[in-house]
Amino acid sequence: MREPNRLCNFYGELQKIHITFFPDWRFGQLMLNFFHWLTNEKGIDVFFPEEDMMIEYLREYTDSLGNEVIN
């Protein structure tokens, strides 16, 4: 079984990115736009990346829109 506590960090990072860079976007809007970019621009199936990679991809997506993510 995977370590359940890995999700705390993931959701914390997701929350920071959402609040900082996409405060006007609904959650579904953020996820759909991000997943579309991930699939079409990066060629990555959203089913397979682990949470740490999803956060890295989300930071890259944010950068691609002209928002620099500060870790």
C-alpha atoms as a PDB file:
ATOM      1  CA  MET A   1       0.000   0.000   0.000  1.00  0.00           C
ATOM      2  CA  ARG A   2       1.210   3.482  -0.775  1.00  0.00           C
ATOM      3  CA  GLU A   3       1.954   5.917   1.997  1.00  0.00           C
ATOM      4  CA  PRO A   4      -1.316   7.841   2.575  1.00  0.00           C
ATOM      5  CA  ASN A   5       0.499  10.819   4.100  1.00  0.00           C
ATOM      6  CA  ARG A   6       2.022  11.636   0.690  1.00  0.00           C
ATOM      7  CA  LEU A   7      -1.337  13.170  -0.139  1.00  0.00           C
ATOM      8  CA  CYS A   8      -1.059  15.868   2.535  1.00  0.00           C
ATOM      9  CA  ASN A   9       1.939  17.457   0.827  1.00  0.00           C
ATOM     10  CA  PHE A  10       0.366  17.032  -2.610  1.00  0.00           C
ATOM     11  CA  TYR A  11      -2.900  18.744  -1.673  1.00  0.00           C
ATOM     12  CA  GLY A  12      -1.041  21.465   0.207  1.00  0.00           C
ATOM     13  CA  GLU A  13       1.055  22.246  -2.886  1.00  0.00           C
ATOM     14  CA  LEU A  14      -2.002  22.085  -5.138  1.00  0.00           C
ATOM     15  CA  GLN A  15      -3.818  24.494  -2.841  1.00  0.00           C
ATOM     16  CA  LYS A  16      -0.893  26.968  -2.831  1.00  0.00           C
ATOM     17  CA  ILE A  17      -0.667  26.947  -6.622  1.00  0.00           C
ATOM     18  CA  HIS A  18      -4.437  27.296  -7.052  1.00  0.00           C
ATOM     19  CA  ILE A  19      -4.746  30.189  -4.593  1.00  0.00           C
ATOM     20  CA  THR A  20      -1.628  31.995  -5.827  1.00  0.00           C
ATOM     21  CA  PHE A  21      -1.966  31.695  -9.592  1.00  0.00           C
ATOM     22  CA  PHE A  22      -5.545  30.693 -10.378  1.00  0.00           C
ATOM     23  CA  PRO A  23      -7.759  32.194  -7.651  1.00  0.00           C
ATOM     24  CA  ASP A  24     -10.539  33.035 -10.106  1.00  0.00           C
ATOM     25  CA  TRP A  25     -10.655  29.537 -11.601  1.00  0.00           C
ATOM     26  CA  ARG A  26     -12.975  26.890 -10.249  1.00  0.00           C
ATOM     27  CA  PHE A  27     -11.285  23.596  -9.312  1.00  0.00           C
ATOM     28  CA  GLY A  28     -12.766  21.762 -12.298  1.00  0.00           C
ATOM     29  CA  GLN A  29     -11.662  24.555 -14.608  1.00  0.00           C
ATOM     30  CA  LEU A  30      -8.086  24.342 -13.318  1.00  0.00           C
ATOM     31  CA  MET A  31      -7.954  20.554 -13.563  1.00  0.00           C
ATOM     32  CA  LEU A  32      -9.537  20.360 -17.006  1.00  0.00           C
ATOM     33  CA  ASN A  33      -7.250  23.042 -18.426  1.00  0.00           C
ATOM     34  CA  PHE A  34      -4.198  21.460 -16.794  1.00  0.00           C
ATOM     35  CA  PHE A  35      -5.089  17.917 -17.908  1.00  0.00           C
ATOM     36  CA  HIS A  36      -5.745  19.150 -21.454  1.00  0.00           C
ATOM     37  CA  TRP A  37      -2.296  20.792 -21.514  1.00  0.00           C
ATOM     38  CA  LEU A  38      -0.648  17.730 -19.998  1.00  0.00           C
ATOM     39  CA  THR A  39      -2.216  15.416 -22.561  1.00  0.00           C
ATOM     40  CA  ASN A  40      -1.894  17.570 -25.661  1.00  0.00           C
ATOM     41  CA  GLU A  41       1.284  19.553 -25.047  1.00  0.00           C
ATOM     42  CA  LYS A  42       3.314  17.018 -23.067  1.00  0.00           C
ATOM     43  CA  GLY A  43       1.803  13.792 -24.421  1.00  0.00           C
ATOM     44  CA  ILE A  44       1.310  12.426 -20.909  1.00  0.00           C
ATOM     45  CA  ASP A  45      -1.632  10.268 -19.846  1.00  0.00           C
ATOM     46  CA  VAL A  46      -2.959  11.811 -16.608  1.00  0.00           C
ATOM     47  CA  PHE A  47      -3.659   8.355 -15.167  1.00  0.00           C
ATOM     48  CA  PHE A  48      -0.028   7.386 -14.625  1.00  0.00           C
ATOM     49  CA  PRO A  49       2.053  10.170 -12.991  1.00  0.00           C
ATOM     50  CA  GLU A  50       2.630   9.956  -9.251  1.00  0.00           C
ATOM     51  CA  GLU A  51       1.651  12.935  -7.114  1.00  0.00           C
ATOM     52  CA  ASP A  52       5.171  14.382  -6.977  1.00  0.00           C
ATOM     53  CA  MET A  53       5.348  14.422 -10.773  1.00  0.00           C
ATOM     54  CA  MET A  54       1.859  15.930 -11.065  1.00  0.00           C
ATOM     55  CA  ILE A  55       2.988  18.844  -8.910  1.00  0.00           C
ATOM     56  CA  GLU A  56       6.073  19.278 -11.112  1.00  0.00           C
ATOM     57  CA  TYR A  57       3.886  19.232 -14.227  1.00  0.00           C
ATOM     58  CA  LEU A  58       1.469  21.686 -12.638  1.00  0.00           C
ATOM     59  CA  ARG A  59       4.375  24.040 -11.917  1.00  0.00           C
ATOM     60  CA  GLU A  60       5.498  23.675 -15.517  1.00  0.00           C
ATOM     61  CA  TYR A  61       1.953  24.390 -16.711  1.00  0.00           C
ATOM     62  CA  THR A  62       1.843  27.497 -14.535  1.00  0.00           C
ATOM     63  CA  ASP A  63       5.202  28.614 -15.970  1.00  0.00           C
ATOM     64  CA  SER A  64       3.906  28.036 -19.497  1.00  0.00           C
ATOM     65  CA  LEU A  65       1.191  30.597 -18.831  1.00  0.00           C
ATOM     66  CA  GLY A  66       3.726  33.194 -17.734  1.00  0.00           C
ATOM     67  CA  ASN A  67       3.410  32.598 -13.990  1.00  0.00           C
ATOM     68  CA  GLU A  68       6.667  31.673 -12.311  1.00  0.00           C
ATOM     69  CA  VAL A  69       6.097  29.268  -9.442  1.00  0.00           C
ATOM     70  CA  ILE A  70       8.306  29.822  -6.423  1.00  0.00           C
ATOM     71  CA  ASN A  71       8.914  26.611  -4.494  1.00  0.00           C
END
